[in-house]
PDB file of N, CA and C in Angstrom:
ATOM      1  N   MET A   1     -26.320  89.214  10.632  1.00  0.00           N
ATOM      2  CA  MET A   1     -25.181  88.192  11.982  1.00  0.00           C
ATOM      3  C   MET A   1     -23.959  89.148  11.567  1.00  0.00           C
ATOM      4  N   LYS A   2     -23.697  89.259  12.826  1.00  0.00           N
ATOM      5  CA  LYS A   2     -22.549  90.562  13.389  1.00  0.00           C
ATOM      6  C   LYS A   2     -21.632  90.132  12.670  1.00  0.00           C
ATOM      7  N   GLN A   3     -20.201  90.801  12.191  1.00  0.00           N
ATOM      8  CA  GLN A   3     -19.218  89.952  12.079  1.00  0.00           C
ATOM      9  C   GLN A   3     -18.293  90.414  13.394  1.00  0.00           C
ATOM     10  N   THR A   4     -17.828  88.824  13.953  1.00  0.00           N
ATOM     11  CA  THR A   4     -16.979  88.654  14.811  1.00  0.00           C
ATOM     12  C   THR A   4     -14.658  88.949  14.499  1.00  0.00           C
ATOM     13  N   ILE A   5     -14.366  90.095  14.977  1.00  0.00           N
ATOM     14  CA  ILE A   5     -12.766  90.244  14.176  1.00  0.00           C
ATOM     15  C   ILE A   5     -11.495  89.298  15.808  1.00  0.00           C
ATOM     16  N   CYS A   6     -11.181  88.514  15.643  1.00  0.00           N
ATOM     17  CA  CYS A   6     -10.249  88.303  16.558  1.00  0.00           C
ATOM     18  C   CYS A   6      -8.367  88.201  15.755  1.00  0.00           C
ATOM     19  N   ALA A   7      -7.415  88.512  16.714  1.00  0.00           N
ATOM     20  CA  ALA A   7      -6.553  87.713  16.949  1.00  0.00           C
ATOM     21  C   ALA A   7      -5.742  87.135  17.330  1.00  0.00           C
ATOM     22  N   LEU A   8      -4.919  86.479  16.175  1.00  0.00           N
ATOM     23  CA  LEU A   8      -4.391  84.855  16.999  1.00  0.00           C
ATOM     24  C   LEU A   8      -2.421  84.740  16.609  1.00  0.00           C
ATOM     25  N   TYR A   9      -2.432  84.766  17.988  1.00  0.00           N
ATOM     26  CA  TYR A   9      -0.962  85.384  18.542  1.00  0.00           C
ATOM     27  C   TYR A   9      -0.242  83.450  18.474  1.00  0.00           C
ATOM     28  N   LEU A  10       0.850  82.827  17.989  1.00  0.00           N
ATOM     29  CA  LEU A  10       1.152  81.941  18.025  1.00  0.00           C
ATOM     30  C   LEU A  10       2.683  82.212  18.005  1.00  0.00           C
ATOM     31  N   ARG A  11       3.268  81.003  19.016  1.00  0.00           N
ATOM     32  CA  ARG A  11       4.449  81.157  19.862  1.00  0.00           C
ATOM     33  C   ARG A  11       5.027  79.452  20.226  1.00  0.00           C
ATOM     34  N   VAL A  12       6.569  79.213  20.262  1.00  0.00           N
ATOM     35  CA  VAL A  12       6.864  78.253  20.092  1.00  0.00           C
ATOM     36  C   VAL A  12       8.343  77.965  21.393  1.00  0.00           C
ATOM     37  N   SER A  13       7.963  77.310  21.507  1.00  0.00           N
ATOM     38  CA  SER A  13       9.146  77.673  22.741  1.00  0.00           C
ATOM     39  C   SER A  13      10.293  77.128  22.625  1.00  0.00           C
ATOM     40  N   THR A  14       9.675  75.268  22.019  1.00  0.00           N
ATOM     41  CA  THR A  14      10.349  74.291  22.124  1.00  0.00           C
ATOM     42  C   THR A  14      10.390  73.617  20.613  1.00  0.00           C
ATOM     43  N   VAL A  15      11.733  73.843  19.364  1.00  0.00           N
ATOM     44  CA  VAL A  15      11.465  73.725  18.381  1.00  0.00           C
ATOM     45  C   VAL A  15      11.594  72.063  17.928  1.00  0.00           C
ATOM     46  N   ASP A  16      12.145  71.665  18.649  1.00  0.00           N
ATOM     47  CA  ASP A  16      12.238  69.864  18.497  1.00  0.00           C
ATOM     48  C   ASP A  16      11.598  69.356  19.184  1.00  0.00           C
ATOM     49  N   GLN A  17      10.442  68.919  19.077  1.00  0.00           N
ATOM     50  CA  GLN A  17       9.417  68.867  20.261  1.00  0.00           C
ATOM     51  C   GLN A  17       7.886  68.497  19.421  1.00  0.00           C
ATOM     52  N   GLY A  18       8.454  68.839  17.064  1.00  0.00           N
ATOM     53  CA  GLY A  18       7.221  68.270  16.961  1.00  0.00           C
ATOM     54  C   GLY A  18       6.512  69.993  16.466  1.00  0.00           C
ATOM     55  N   GLN A  19       6.405  70.979  17.074  1.00  0.00           N
ATOM     56  CA  GLN A  19       5.641  71.624  16.853  1.00  0.00           C
ATOM     57  C   GLN A  19       6.313  73.261  15.822  1.00  0.00           C
ATOM     58  N   ASP A  20       5.435  74.116  15.847  1.00  0.00           N
ATOM     59  CA  ASP A  20       5.551  74.775  14.701  1.00  0.00           C
ATOM     60  C   ASP A  20       4.846  76.151  14.298  1.00  0.00           C
ATOM     61  N   THR A  21       4.727  77.294  13.974  1.00  0.00           N
ATOM     62  CA  THR A  21       3.267  77.961  14.032  1.00  0.00           C
ATOM     63  C   THR A  21       2.558  77.510  13.059  1.00  0.00           C
ATOM     64  N   ASP A  22       3.008  77.399  11.783  1.00  0.00           N
ATOM     65  CA  ASP A  22       2.213  76.591  10.937  1.00  0.00           C
ATOM     66  C   ASP A  22       1.768  75.830  10.916  1.00  0.00           C
ATOM     67  N   ASN A  23       1.450  74.925  11.436  1.00  0.00           N
ATOM     68  CA  ASN A  23       0.593  73.865  12.995  1.00  0.00           C
ATOM     69  C   ASN A  23      -0.205  74.702  13.791  1.00  0.00           C
ATOM     70  N   GLN A  24       0.247  75.170  14.157  1.00  0.00           N
ATOM     71  CA  GLN A  24      -0.453  75.511  15.727  1.00  0.00           C
ATOM     72  C   GLN A  24      -1.798  76.517  14.843  1.00  0.00           C
ATOM     73  N   LEU A  25      -0.934  77.906  13.513  1.00  0.00           N
ATOM     74  CA  LEU A  25      -2.271  78.393  13.239  1.00  0.00           C
ATOM     75  C   LEU A  25      -3.127  77.160  12.500  1.00  0.00           C
ATOM     76  N   LEU A  26      -2.612  76.522  11.620  1.00  0.00           N
ATOM     77  CA  LEU A  26      -3.884  75.477  10.897  1.00  0.00           C
ATOM     78  C   LEU A  26      -4.666  74.849  12.504  1.00  0.00           C
ATOM     79  N   GLN A  27      -4.563  74.549  13.048  1.00  0.00           N
ATOM     80  CA  GLN A  27      -5.555  73.822  14.388  1.00  0.00           C
ATOM     81  C   GLN A  27      -6.236  75.182  15.020  1.00  0.00           C
ATOM     82  N   LEU A  28      -5.617  75.880  15.071  1.00  0.00           N
ATOM     83  CA  LEU A  28      -6.873  77.167  15.270  1.00  0.00           C
ATOM     84  C   LEU A  28      -7.462  77.716  14.658  1.00  0.00           C
ATOM     85  N   GLN A  29      -7.281  78.363  13.338  1.00  0.00           N
ATOM     86  CA  GLN A  29      -7.638  78.369  12.790  1.00  0.00           C
ATOM     87  C   GLN A  29      -9.043  77.375  11.917  1.00  0.00           C
ATOM     88  N   GLU A  30      -8.740  75.513  12.200  1.00  0.00           N
ATOM     89  CA  GLU A  30      -9.667  74.887  12.629  1.00  0.00           C
ATOM     90  C   GLU A  30     -11.167  75.323  13.294  1.00  0.00           C
ATOM     91  N   PHE A  31     -10.530  75.580  14.419  1.00  0.00           N
ATOM     92  CA  PHE A  31     -11.159  75.418  16.047  1.00  0.00           C
ATOM     93  C   PHE A  31     -11.671  77.417  15.417  1.00  0.00           C
ATOM     94  N   CYS A  32     -11.802  77.812  14.919  1.00  0.00           N
ATOM     95  CA  CYS A  32     -12.293  79.201  14.814  1.00  0.00           C
ATOM     96  C   CYS A  32     -13.263  79.025  13.546  1.00  0.00           C
ATOM     97  N   ASP A  33     -13.722  78.494  12.645  1.00  0.00           N
ATOM     98  CA  ASP A  33     -14.148  78.028  11.526  1.00  0.00           C
ATOM     99  C   ASP A  33     -15.750  76.851  12.595  1.00  0.00           C
ATOM    100  N   ARG A  34     -15.225  76.487  13.634  1.00  0.00           N
ATOM    101  CA  ARG A  34     -16.643  75.677  13.515  1.00  0.00           C
ATOM    102  C   ARG A  34     -17.554  76.290  14.685  1.00  0.00           C
TER     103      ARG A  34
END
């Protein structure tokens, strides 16, 4: 099986609305694991 390499870009434009880069990274990693 060929290995796929990708990059994840995290950005938060508003800090006070419950988003942060740690939360985004966790969600993106879970999506990629599927």
